[in-house]
Amino acid sequence: MKIKEDRFIKILALVLAPLILISIILDDILLDLFLDLRFSFLDQIFIFLSKAFTKGIIFIFVFLLLYRIKKYVWPWIFSAVLSILIAKGLKIVVARPRPFELYPFINNLVSATSSSFPSGHTTLLFAALPLLFLAYPRQKWLFFIIALILALSRVYLGVHYVSDILAGMFIGLISSMIVLLVKNKMKK
C-alpha cells in the first residue's frame, strides 16, 4: 500500500471510531435531518441505487474495476467476506431495531429484514474502498464520494441510523486493512 493511501485510510478509521460514539447520541436528530431532505427525485435515485446494490449490480461493477488490476480481486473477496462476517455477528449481538420499526411515522423507502447495526451495504462498500484507492489512486476522491453518498442514502431511505453507517465504514476499512496487512506479510 502506498504511504499516502495508507495514511488516509488509517486517519479515516481513527476519526470514525469516536464519530460512531458521538453519532449514537445524536442518531435521532441526524435521522430527522435526513428525513427532512426527502423529495421524490432523490427518493427514486436512492431507491434505484439501493436495489442495484442489493441485486449485486454494484458488486459486479466493483469486481470489473478491480479485475483490470487482478492482484486486487482476491483481497477484495477476502475483505468482503471478513467484513460481512463481522457485520452479521454484530447484527445478531446488538439486535438494534431499524428506524422504521421504532418510529411508525417513518416511511422506509426500501425493505430491510435484519437488524440495523451496522449497515451491511456500507460495510461492503468501505471494504472495497482501500483496494479501489490502490488500483485507481487518481480517482480515490471520486470513489470515496460515491461510497459516502451510497452509505448515507441508507439513512435517507429510513433503514439505518448515522451510527450504523459510521460503524459499517469502520468495519469495512478495518477488514480491508487487515487483509492487506496479511497479504503484505505473506509476500515477505
N, C-alpha and C. Protein backbone atom coordinates (compact mmCIF):
# COMPACT_ATOMS: atom_id res chain seq x y z
N MET A 1 0.84 -1.17 0.00
CA MET A 1 0.00 0.00 0.00
C MET A 1 0.89 1.23 0.00
N LYS A 2 0.57 2.19 -0.83
CA LYS A 2 1.36 3.41 -0.88
C LYS A 2 1.15 4.20 0.41
N ILE A 3 2.16 4.99 0.79
CA ILE A 3 2.12 5.71 2.06
C ILE A 3 0.94 6.67 2.14
N LYS A 4 0.67 7.43 1.09
CA LYS A 4 -0.43 8.40 1.13
C LYS A 4 -1.77 7.73 1.36
N GLU A 5 -2.08 6.67 0.59
CA GLU A 5 -3.35 5.97 0.73
C GLU A 5 -3.43 5.30 2.09
N ASP A 6 -2.31 4.71 2.54
CA ASP A 6 -2.25 4.04 3.83
C ASP A 6 -2.57 5.02 4.96
N ARG A 7 -1.96 6.19 4.91
CA ARG A 7 -2.18 7.21 5.93
C ARG A 7 -3.63 7.70 5.91
N PHE A 8 -4.17 7.91 4.72
CA PHE A 8 -5.55 8.37 4.57
C PHE A 8 -6.52 7.37 5.19
N ILE A 9 -6.33 6.09 4.93
CA ILE A 9 -7.22 5.05 5.45
C ILE A 9 -7.10 4.96 6.96
N LYS A 10 -5.88 5.02 7.50
CA LYS A 10 -5.69 4.96 8.95
C LYS A 10 -6.32 6.17 9.64
N ILE A 11 -6.14 7.34 9.08
CA ILE A 11 -6.74 8.55 9.66
C ILE A 11 -8.26 8.44 9.62
N LEU A 12 -8.80 7.99 8.50
CA LEU A 12 -10.25 7.82 8.38
C LEU A 12 -10.78 6.85 9.42
N ALA A 13 -10.09 5.73 9.62
CA ALA A 13 -10.52 4.74 10.61
C ALA A 13 -10.44 5.33 12.02
N LEU A 14 -9.39 6.08 12.33
CA LEU A 14 -9.26 6.69 13.65
C LEU A 14 -10.32 7.76 13.91
N VAL A 15 -10.70 8.47 12.87
CA VAL A 15 -11.72 9.50 13.01
C VAL A 15 -13.10 8.86 13.17
N LEU A 16 -13.32 7.75 12.50
CA LEU A 16 -14.64 7.12 12.54
C LEU A 16 -14.99 6.57 13.92
N ALA A 17 -14.02 6.02 14.65
CA ALA A 17 -14.30 5.42 15.95
C ALA A 17 -15.00 6.39 16.91
N PRO A 18 -14.45 7.57 17.16
CA PRO A 18 -15.17 8.49 18.06
C PRO A 18 -16.46 9.03 17.44
N LEU A 19 -16.50 9.15 16.12
CA LEU A 19 -17.72 9.62 15.47
C LEU A 19 -18.88 8.65 15.68
N ILE A 20 -18.58 7.37 15.71
CA ILE A 20 -19.62 6.37 15.97
C ILE A 20 -20.25 6.63 17.34
N LEU A 21 -19.41 6.84 18.34
CA LEU A 21 -19.92 7.10 19.69
C LEU A 21 -20.74 8.37 19.76
N ILE A 22 -20.25 9.42 19.14
CA ILE A 22 -20.98 10.70 19.13
C ILE A 22 -22.30 10.56 18.40
N SER A 23 -22.27 9.87 17.27
CA SER A 23 -23.49 9.78 16.46
C SER A 23 -24.57 8.95 17.14
N ILE A 24 -24.18 7.98 17.98
CA ILE A 24 -25.19 7.21 18.71
C ILE A 24 -26.03 8.15 19.57
N ILE A 25 -25.38 9.14 20.16
CA ILE A 25 -26.09 10.11 20.99
C ILE A 25 -26.99 10.99 20.12
N LEU A 26 -26.53 11.31 18.93
CA LEU A 26 -27.26 12.24 18.05
C LEU A 26 -28.08 11.54 16.96
N ASP A 27 -28.18 10.21 17.02
CA ASP A 27 -28.83 9.47 15.94
C ASP A 27 -30.23 9.98 15.58
N ASP A 28 -31.06 10.22 16.57
CA ASP A 28 -32.44 10.64 16.28
C ASP A 28 -32.47 12.01 15.60
N ILE A 29 -31.62 12.91 16.05
CA ILE A 29 -31.56 14.26 15.45
C ILE A 29 -31.07 14.16 14.01
N LEU A 30 -30.00 13.38 13.80
CA LEU A 30 -29.45 13.22 12.45
C LEU A 30 -30.44 12.52 11.53
N LEU A 31 -31.15 11.54 12.05
CA LEU A 31 -32.17 10.84 11.25
C LEU A 31 -33.25 11.82 10.80
N ASP A 32 -33.71 12.66 11.72
CA ASP A 32 -34.72 13.67 11.36
C ASP A 32 -34.21 14.61 10.27
N LEU A 33 -32.95 15.00 10.36
CA LEU A 33 -32.37 15.88 9.33
C LEU A 33 -32.40 15.21 7.96
N PHE A 34 -32.02 13.95 7.91
CA PHE A 34 -32.03 13.23 6.63
C PHE A 34 -33.44 13.06 6.09
N LEU A 35 -34.37 12.74 6.97
CA LEU A 35 -35.75 12.54 6.52
C LEU A 35 -36.37 13.85 6.03
N ASP A 36 -35.93 14.98 6.59
CA ASP A 36 -36.42 16.29 6.13
C ASP A 36 -35.92 16.64 4.73
N LEU A 37 -34.86 15.97 4.27
CA LEU A 37 -34.29 16.23 2.94
C LEU A 37 -35.04 15.50 1.82
N ARG A 38 -35.98 14.66 2.18
CA ARG A 38 -36.64 13.82 1.18
C ARG A 38 -37.45 14.63 0.17
N PHE A 39 -37.28 14.25 -1.09
CA PHE A 39 -38.19 14.70 -2.15
C PHE A 39 -38.15 13.66 -3.26
N SER A 40 -39.19 13.61 -4.06
CA SER A 40 -39.43 12.46 -4.95
C SER A 40 -38.28 12.13 -5.89
N PHE A 41 -37.59 13.13 -6.43
CA PHE A 41 -36.49 12.86 -7.36
C PHE A 41 -35.38 12.09 -6.65
N LEU A 42 -34.97 12.57 -5.46
CA LEU A 42 -33.92 11.87 -4.70
C LEU A 42 -34.41 10.50 -4.25
N ASP A 43 -35.68 10.41 -3.87
CA ASP A 43 -36.25 9.12 -3.47
C ASP A 43 -35.97 8.08 -4.55
N GLN A 44 -36.30 8.42 -5.78
CA GLN A 44 -36.16 7.47 -6.89
C GLN A 44 -34.70 7.09 -7.14
N ILE A 45 -33.81 8.06 -7.05
CA ILE A 45 -32.37 7.78 -7.25
C ILE A 45 -31.86 6.82 -6.18
N PHE A 46 -32.16 7.13 -4.92
CA PHE A 46 -31.64 6.30 -3.84
C PHE A 46 -32.31 4.92 -3.79
N ILE A 47 -33.56 4.83 -4.14
CA ILE A 47 -34.24 3.53 -4.23
C ILE A 47 -33.57 2.69 -5.31
N PHE A 48 -33.33 3.29 -6.47
CA PHE A 48 -32.67 2.58 -7.57
C PHE A 48 -31.28 2.09 -7.15
N LEU A 49 -30.48 2.96 -6.53
CA LEU A 49 -29.13 2.58 -6.11
C LEU A 49 -29.17 1.47 -5.06
N SER A 50 -30.10 1.54 -4.14
CA SER A 50 -30.22 0.51 -3.11
C SER A 50 -30.58 -0.83 -3.73
N LYS A 51 -31.52 -0.82 -4.67
CA LYS A 51 -31.91 -2.06 -5.34
C LYS A 51 -30.77 -2.60 -6.20
N ALA A 52 -30.03 -1.72 -6.86
CA ALA A 52 -28.88 -2.15 -7.67
C ALA A 52 -27.83 -2.80 -6.78
N PHE A 53 -27.62 -2.24 -5.61
CA PHE A 53 -26.65 -2.79 -4.66
C PHE A 53 -27.12 -4.16 -4.19
N THR A 54 -28.39 -4.24 -3.80
CA THR A 54 -28.94 -5.49 -3.28
C THR A 54 -28.92 -6.59 -4.33
N LYS A 55 -29.16 -6.24 -5.56
CA LYS A 55 -29.18 -7.23 -6.64
C LYS A 55 -27.76 -7.58 -7.11
N GLY A 56 -26.74 -6.92 -6.61
CA GLY A 56 -25.38 -7.26 -6.94
C GLY A 56 -24.78 -6.49 -8.10
N ILE A 57 -25.52 -5.58 -8.68
CA ILE A 57 -25.00 -4.83 -9.83
C ILE A 57 -23.77 -4.01 -9.44
N ILE A 58 -23.82 -3.40 -8.27
CA ILE A 58 -22.68 -2.60 -7.82
C ILE A 58 -21.48 -3.51 -7.51
N PHE A 59 -21.74 -4.71 -6.96
CA PHE A 59 -20.65 -5.66 -6.71
C PHE A 59 -19.97 -6.05 -8.01
N ILE A 60 -20.76 -6.31 -9.03
CA ILE A 60 -20.22 -6.68 -10.33
C ILE A 60 -19.38 -5.54 -10.90
N PHE A 61 -19.86 -4.32 -10.74
CA PHE A 61 -19.11 -3.15 -11.20
C PHE A 61 -17.76 -3.04 -10.49
N VAL A 62 -17.76 -3.20 -9.16
CA VAL A 62 -16.50 -3.13 -8.40
C VAL A 62 -15.58 -4.27 -8.83
N PHE A 63 -16.14 -5.47 -9.01
CA PHE A 63 -15.33 -6.60 -9.45
C PHE A 63 -14.66 -6.31 -10.78
N LEU A 64 -15.43 -5.76 -11.71
CA LEU A 64 -14.87 -5.45 -13.03
C LEU A 64 -13.78 -4.38 -12.95
N LEU A 65 -14.00 -3.40 -12.08
CA LEU A 65 -12.96 -2.37 -11.88
C LEU A 65 -11.69 -2.99 -11.33
N LEU A 66 -11.84 -3.86 -10.34
CA LEU A 66 -10.66 -4.48 -9.72
C LEU A 66 -10.06 -5.57 -10.60
N TYR A 67 -10.86 -6.19 -11.44
CA TYR A 67 -10.36 -7.25 -12.32
C TYR A 67 -9.34 -6.71 -13.31
N ARG A 68 -9.50 -5.45 -13.67
CA ARG A 68 -8.50 -4.82 -14.56
C ARG A 68 -7.11 -4.90 -13.96
N ILE A 69 -7.04 -4.81 -12.65
CA ILE A 69 -5.77 -4.94 -11.94
C ILE A 69 -5.95 -6.16 -11.03
N LYS A 70 -5.71 -7.33 -11.58
CA LYS A 70 -6.10 -8.62 -10.99
C LYS A 70 -5.57 -8.86 -9.58
N LYS A 71 -4.49 -8.23 -9.21
CA LYS A 71 -3.92 -8.51 -7.89
C LYS A 71 -4.82 -8.04 -6.75
N TYR A 72 -5.87 -7.27 -7.05
CA TYR A 72 -6.77 -6.78 -6.00
C TYR A 72 -8.07 -7.56 -5.89
N VAL A 73 -8.28 -8.53 -6.80
CA VAL A 73 -9.55 -9.28 -6.77
C VAL A 73 -9.66 -10.13 -5.52
N TRP A 74 -8.66 -10.96 -5.24
CA TRP A 74 -8.73 -11.83 -4.06
C TRP A 74 -8.74 -11.03 -2.75
N PRO A 75 -7.91 -10.02 -2.61
CA PRO A 75 -8.02 -9.22 -1.38
C PRO A 75 -9.42 -8.62 -1.21
N TRP A 76 -10.04 -8.21 -2.31
CA TRP A 76 -11.40 -7.67 -2.22
C TRP A 76 -12.38 -8.74 -1.74
N ILE A 77 -12.26 -9.93 -2.29
CA ILE A 77 -13.16 -11.02 -1.87
C ILE A 77 -12.95 -11.34 -0.39
N PHE A 78 -11.69 -11.45 0.05
CA PHE A 78 -11.42 -11.73 1.47
C PHE A 78 -11.88 -10.58 2.37
N SER A 79 -11.69 -9.35 1.92
CA SER A 79 -12.15 -8.19 2.69
C SER A 79 -13.67 -8.20 2.82
N ALA A 80 -14.35 -8.52 1.72
CA ALA A 80 -15.81 -8.57 1.74
C ALA A 80 -16.31 -9.65 2.70
N VAL A 81 -15.71 -10.82 2.62
CA VAL A 81 -16.13 -11.93 3.49
C VAL A 81 -15.87 -11.58 4.96
N LEU A 82 -14.67 -11.10 5.26
CA LEU A 82 -14.33 -10.74 6.64
C LEU A 82 -15.27 -9.66 7.17
N SER A 83 -15.48 -8.62 6.38
CA SER A 83 -16.32 -7.52 6.86
C SER A 83 -17.78 -7.96 7.07
N ILE A 84 -18.28 -8.80 6.20
CA ILE A 84 -19.67 -9.26 6.35
C ILE A 84 -19.80 -10.21 7.54
N LEU A 85 -18.80 -11.05 7.78
CA LEU A 85 -18.85 -11.92 8.97
C LEU A 85 -18.90 -11.08 10.25
N ILE A 86 -18.08 -10.05 10.30
CA ILE A 86 -18.07 -9.16 11.48
C ILE A 86 -19.41 -8.44 11.59
N ALA A 87 -19.90 -7.89 10.48
CA ALA A 87 -21.16 -7.14 10.50
C ALA A 87 -22.33 -8.04 10.88
N LYS A 88 -22.40 -9.24 10.30
CA LYS A 88 -23.50 -10.17 10.63
C LYS A 88 -23.46 -10.55 12.11
N GLY A 89 -22.25 -10.79 12.62
CA GLY A 89 -22.11 -11.10 14.05
C GLY A 89 -22.61 -9.96 14.92
N LEU A 90 -22.24 -8.75 14.57
CA LEU A 90 -22.69 -7.58 15.34
C LEU A 90 -24.20 -7.39 15.23
N LYS A 91 -24.76 -7.63 14.06
CA LYS A 91 -26.21 -7.51 13.89
C LYS A 91 -26.94 -8.45 14.84
N ILE A 92 -26.41 -9.66 15.00
CA ILE A 92 -27.04 -10.64 15.90
C ILE A 92 -26.87 -10.21 17.35
N VAL A 93 -25.66 -9.80 17.72
CA VAL A 93 -25.37 -9.44 19.11
C VAL A 93 -26.09 -8.15 19.53
N VAL A 94 -26.00 -7.13 18.69
CA VAL A 94 -26.57 -5.82 19.04
C VAL A 94 -28.09 -5.83 18.86
N ALA A 95 -28.57 -6.45 17.80
CA ALA A 95 -30.01 -6.57 17.51
C ALA A 95 -30.76 -5.24 17.60
N ARG A 96 -30.20 -4.23 17.00
CA ARG A 96 -30.81 -2.90 17.04
C ARG A 96 -31.96 -2.81 16.04
N PRO A 97 -33.13 -2.39 16.50
CA PRO A 97 -34.26 -2.22 15.56
C PRO A 97 -33.97 -1.12 14.55
N ARG A 98 -34.52 -1.28 13.38
CA ARG A 98 -34.37 -0.26 12.34
C ARG A 98 -35.23 0.95 12.68
N PRO A 99 -34.86 2.12 12.14
CA PRO A 99 -35.63 3.33 12.48
C PRO A 99 -37.13 3.20 12.21
N PHE A 100 -37.50 2.61 11.09
CA PHE A 100 -38.93 2.50 10.77
C PHE A 100 -39.65 1.52 11.69
N GLU A 101 -38.91 0.64 12.37
CA GLU A 101 -39.53 -0.28 13.33
C GLU A 101 -39.83 0.43 14.65
N LEU A 102 -38.97 1.38 15.01
CA LEU A 102 -39.18 2.12 16.26
C LEU A 102 -40.13 3.30 16.09
N TYR A 103 -40.07 3.92 14.94
CA TYR A 103 -40.86 5.12 14.69
C TYR A 103 -41.83 4.85 13.53
N PRO A 104 -43.07 4.55 13.83
CA PRO A 104 -44.03 4.19 12.77
C PRO A 104 -44.28 5.30 11.74
N PHE A 105 -43.96 6.53 12.09
CA PHE A 105 -44.17 7.63 11.15
C PHE A 105 -43.12 7.65 10.03
N ILE A 106 -42.05 6.86 10.19
CA ILE A 106 -41.01 6.80 9.16
C ILE A 106 -41.45 5.84 8.07
N ASN A 107 -41.50 6.36 6.86
CA ASN A 107 -41.82 5.55 5.70
C ASN A 107 -40.50 5.05 5.12
N ASN A 108 -40.19 3.76 5.36
CA ASN A 108 -38.97 3.21 4.77
C ASN A 108 -39.21 3.02 3.28
N LEU A 109 -38.32 3.55 2.49
CA LEU A 109 -38.50 3.53 1.04
C LEU A 109 -38.00 2.25 0.39
N VAL A 110 -37.28 1.43 1.14
CA VAL A 110 -36.85 0.11 0.68
C VAL A 110 -37.06 -0.88 1.82
N SER A 111 -37.10 -2.15 1.49
CA SER A 111 -37.31 -3.15 2.54
C SER A 111 -35.98 -3.51 3.19
N ALA A 112 -36.05 -3.94 4.43
CA ALA A 112 -34.88 -4.38 5.18
C ALA A 112 -35.35 -5.39 6.21
N THR A 113 -34.61 -6.47 6.36
CA THR A 113 -35.09 -7.53 7.23
C THR A 113 -34.24 -7.77 8.48
N SER A 114 -32.94 -7.64 8.39
CA SER A 114 -32.09 -7.89 9.55
C SER A 114 -32.06 -6.66 10.44
N SER A 115 -31.33 -6.77 11.54
CA SER A 115 -31.24 -5.62 12.44
C SER A 115 -30.39 -4.51 11.82
N SER A 116 -30.43 -3.36 12.46
CA SER A 116 -29.90 -2.13 11.86
C SER A 116 -28.38 -1.96 11.98
N PHE A 117 -27.81 -2.35 13.13
CA PHE A 117 -26.41 -2.03 13.42
C PHE A 117 -25.51 -3.22 13.16
N PRO A 118 -24.48 -3.05 12.35
CA PRO A 118 -24.10 -1.95 11.47
C PRO A 118 -24.72 -2.12 10.08
N SER A 119 -24.53 -1.16 9.22
CA SER A 119 -25.05 -1.22 7.86
C SER A 119 -24.20 -2.19 7.03
N GLY A 120 -24.83 -3.25 6.55
CA GLY A 120 -24.12 -4.22 5.71
C GLY A 120 -23.71 -3.64 4.36
N HIS A 121 -24.60 -2.83 3.77
CA HIS A 121 -24.27 -2.19 2.49
C HIS A 121 -23.00 -1.34 2.64
N THR A 122 -22.98 -0.54 3.69
CA THR A 122 -21.84 0.36 3.92
C THR A 122 -20.57 -0.44 4.23
N THR A 123 -20.73 -1.50 5.00
CA THR A 123 -19.58 -2.35 5.34
C THR A 123 -18.92 -2.86 4.06
N LEU A 124 -19.72 -3.37 3.14
CA LEU A 124 -19.17 -3.89 1.89
C LEU A 124 -18.55 -2.80 1.02
N LEU A 125 -19.22 -1.67 0.95
CA LEU A 125 -18.68 -0.56 0.16
C LEU A 125 -17.31 -0.15 0.65
N PHE A 126 -17.19 0.01 1.96
CA PHE A 126 -15.94 0.51 2.52
C PHE A 126 -14.86 -0.57 2.64
N ALA A 127 -15.24 -1.84 2.52
CA ALA A 127 -14.24 -2.91 2.42
C ALA A 127 -13.56 -2.85 1.06
N ALA A 128 -14.28 -2.40 0.05
CA ALA A 128 -13.71 -2.30 -1.31
C ALA A 128 -12.90 -1.02 -1.49
N LEU A 129 -13.21 0.00 -0.72
CA LEU A 129 -12.63 1.32 -0.94
C LEU A 129 -11.10 1.36 -0.92
N PRO A 130 -10.41 0.80 0.09
CA PRO A 130 -8.95 0.88 0.07
C PRO A 130 -8.34 0.21 -1.16
N LEU A 131 -8.97 -0.86 -1.62
CA LEU A 131 -8.46 -1.56 -2.80
C LEU A 131 -8.68 -0.73 -4.06
N LEU A 132 -9.82 -0.05 -4.12
CA LEU A 132 -10.05 0.85 -5.25
C LEU A 132 -9.06 2.01 -5.22
N PHE A 133 -8.73 2.49 -4.02
CA PHE A 133 -7.73 3.56 -3.88
C PHE A 133 -6.38 3.10 -4.44
N LEU A 134 -6.01 1.86 -4.13
CA LEU A 134 -4.73 1.34 -4.61
C LEU A 134 -4.75 1.11 -6.11
N ALA A 135 -5.85 0.61 -6.60
CA ALA A 135 -5.95 0.30 -8.03
C ALA A 135 -6.07 1.57 -8.88
N TYR A 136 -6.75 2.57 -8.34
CA TYR A 136 -7.01 3.81 -9.08
C TYR A 136 -6.75 5.03 -8.19
N PRO A 137 -5.49 5.31 -7.87
CA PRO A 137 -5.19 6.38 -6.92
C PRO A 137 -5.69 7.76 -7.36
N ARG A 138 -5.73 8.02 -8.64
CA ARG A 138 -6.19 9.35 -9.10
C ARG A 138 -7.68 9.55 -8.87
N GLN A 139 -8.42 8.48 -8.81
CA GLN A 139 -9.87 8.57 -8.64
C GLN A 139 -10.32 8.32 -7.20
N LYS A 140 -9.40 8.30 -6.24
CA LYS A 140 -9.78 7.92 -4.87
C LYS A 140 -10.87 8.82 -4.30
N TRP A 141 -10.82 10.12 -4.57
CA TRP A 141 -11.85 11.01 -4.02
C TRP A 141 -13.21 10.75 -4.67
N LEU A 142 -13.21 10.42 -5.94
CA LEU A 142 -14.45 10.07 -6.62
C LEU A 142 -15.07 8.83 -5.98
N PHE A 143 -14.25 7.79 -5.77
CA PHE A 143 -14.75 6.56 -5.15
C PHE A 143 -15.24 6.83 -3.73
N PHE A 144 -14.50 7.66 -2.99
CA PHE A 144 -14.90 7.97 -1.62
C PHE A 144 -16.25 8.69 -1.60
N ILE A 145 -16.42 9.67 -2.46
CA ILE A 145 -17.68 10.44 -2.51
C ILE A 145 -18.85 9.54 -2.91
N ILE A 146 -18.63 8.68 -3.90
CA ILE A 146 -19.69 7.76 -4.33
C ILE A 146 -20.07 6.82 -3.18
N ALA A 147 -19.06 6.25 -2.52
CA ALA A 147 -19.32 5.33 -1.40
C ALA A 147 -20.04 6.06 -0.27
N LEU A 148 -19.63 7.29 0.02
CA LEU A 148 -20.26 8.06 1.08
C LEU A 148 -21.73 8.37 0.75
N ILE A 149 -22.00 8.75 -0.48
CA ILE A 149 -23.38 9.03 -0.90
C ILE A 149 -24.23 7.77 -0.80
N LEU A 150 -23.70 6.65 -1.30
CA LEU A 150 -24.45 5.39 -1.21
C LEU A 150 -24.70 5.00 0.24
N ALA A 151 -23.69 5.18 1.09
CA ALA A 151 -23.84 4.84 2.50
C ALA A 151 -24.89 5.72 3.18
N LEU A 152 -24.78 7.02 2.97
CA LEU A 152 -25.73 7.94 3.62
C LEU A 152 -27.15 7.81 3.06
N SER A 153 -27.25 7.28 1.86
CA SER A 153 -28.59 7.06 1.29
C SER A 153 -29.38 6.07 2.13
N ARG A 154 -28.70 5.20 2.86
CA ARG A 154 -29.38 4.23 3.71
C ARG A 154 -30.12 4.93 4.87
N VAL A 155 -29.57 6.03 5.34
CA VAL A 155 -30.27 6.84 6.37
C VAL A 155 -31.45 7.54 5.72
N TYR A 156 -31.22 8.14 4.58
CA TYR A 156 -32.26 8.83 3.82
C TYR A 156 -33.44 7.91 3.54
N LEU A 157 -33.15 6.64 3.23
CA LEU A 157 -34.20 5.67 2.90
C LEU A 157 -34.97 5.19 4.13
N GLY A 158 -34.49 5.55 5.32
CA GLY A 158 -35.20 5.22 6.56
C GLY A 158 -34.87 3.85 7.13
N VAL A 159 -33.78 3.22 6.65
CA VAL A 159 -33.46 1.87 7.13
C VAL A 159 -32.24 1.82 8.06
N HIS A 160 -31.57 2.95 8.26
CA HIS A 160 -30.40 2.99 9.14
C HIS A 160 -30.31 4.33 9.86
N TYR A 161 -29.54 4.29 10.95
CA TYR A 161 -29.14 5.49 11.67
C TYR A 161 -27.73 5.86 11.19
N VAL A 162 -27.30 7.07 11.46
CA VAL A 162 -25.96 7.50 11.07
C VAL A 162 -24.89 6.64 11.75
N SER A 163 -25.10 6.26 13.00
CA SER A 163 -24.11 5.43 13.69
C SER A 163 -23.97 4.05 13.02
N ASP A 164 -25.04 3.53 12.44
CA ASP A 164 -24.96 2.27 11.68
C ASP A 164 -24.02 2.43 10.49
N ILE A 165 -24.14 3.58 9.84
CA ILE A 165 -23.32 3.87 8.66
C ILE A 165 -21.85 4.03 9.06
N LEU A 166 -21.60 4.81 10.09
CA LEU A 166 -20.22 5.02 10.53
C LEU A 166 -19.57 3.72 10.99
N ALA A 167 -20.34 2.88 11.69
CA ALA A 167 -19.80 1.58 12.12
C ALA A 167 -19.49 0.71 10.90
N GLY A 168 -20.37 0.72 9.90
CA GLY A 168 -20.12 -0.03 8.67
C GLY A 168 -18.87 0.45 7.95
N MET A 169 -18.68 1.78 7.93
CA MET A 169 -17.48 2.34 7.31
C MET A 169 -16.23 1.83 8.04
N PHE A 170 -16.28 1.89 9.35
CA PHE A 170 -15.15 1.48 10.18
C PHE A 170 -14.84 -0.01 9.98
N ILE A 171 -15.85 -0.86 10.04
CA ILE A 171 -15.66 -2.30 9.88
C ILE A 171 -15.09 -2.62 8.50
N GLY A 172 -15.66 -1.98 7.48
CA GLY A 172 -15.18 -2.23 6.11
C GLY A 172 -13.73 -1.83 5.93
N LEU A 173 -13.37 -0.65 6.41
CA LEU A 173 -11.98 -0.18 6.29
C LEU A 173 -11.01 -1.06 7.07
N ILE A 174 -11.38 -1.38 8.30
CA ILE A 174 -10.50 -2.21 9.13
C ILE A 174 -10.34 -3.60 8.51
N SER A 175 -11.43 -4.18 8.01
CA SER A 175 -11.35 -5.50 7.37
C SER A 175 -10.39 -5.48 6.19
N SER A 176 -10.52 -4.47 5.37
CA SER A 176 -9.65 -4.35 4.20
C SER A 176 -8.20 -4.14 4.63
N MET A 177 -7.99 -3.33 5.65
CA MET A 177 -6.63 -3.11 6.13
C MET A 177 -6.01 -4.40 6.67
N ILE A 178 -6.81 -5.20 7.38
CA ILE A 178 -6.31 -6.48 7.91
C ILE A 178 -5.90 -7.39 6.75
N VAL A 179 -6.76 -7.50 5.75
CA VAL A 179 -6.46 -8.35 4.60
C VAL A 179 -5.20 -7.86 3.89
N LEU A 180 -5.06 -6.56 3.72
CA LEU A 180 -3.86 -6.02 3.06
C LEU A 180 -2.60 -6.26 3.89
N LEU A 181 -2.72 -6.13 5.22
CA LEU A 181 -1.57 -6.41 6.09
C LEU A 181 -1.15 -7.87 5.98
N VAL A 182 -2.12 -8.78 6.01
CA VAL A 182 -1.82 -10.21 5.88
C VAL A 182 -1.18 -10.49 4.52
N LYS A 183 -1.75 -9.89 3.49
CA LYS A 183 -1.20 -10.08 2.12
C LYS A 183 0.24 -9.61 2.05
N ASN A 184 0.52 -8.44 2.64
CA ASN A 184 1.89 -7.91 2.61
C ASN A 184 2.85 -8.77 3.45
N LYS A 185 2.37 -9.32 4.57
CA LYS A 185 3.21 -10.20 5.41
C LYS A 185 3.53 -11.50 4.68
N MET A 186 2.55 -11.98 3.90
CA MET A 186 2.76 -13.23 3.15
C MET A 186 3.75 -13.05 2.01
N LYS A 187 3.87 -11.82 1.50
CA LYS A 187 4.84 -11.53 0.44
C LYS A 187 6.26 -11.64 0.95
N LYS A 188 6.46 -11.22 2.20
CA LYS A 188 7.81 -11.16 2.77
C LYS A 188 8.32 -12.49 3.17
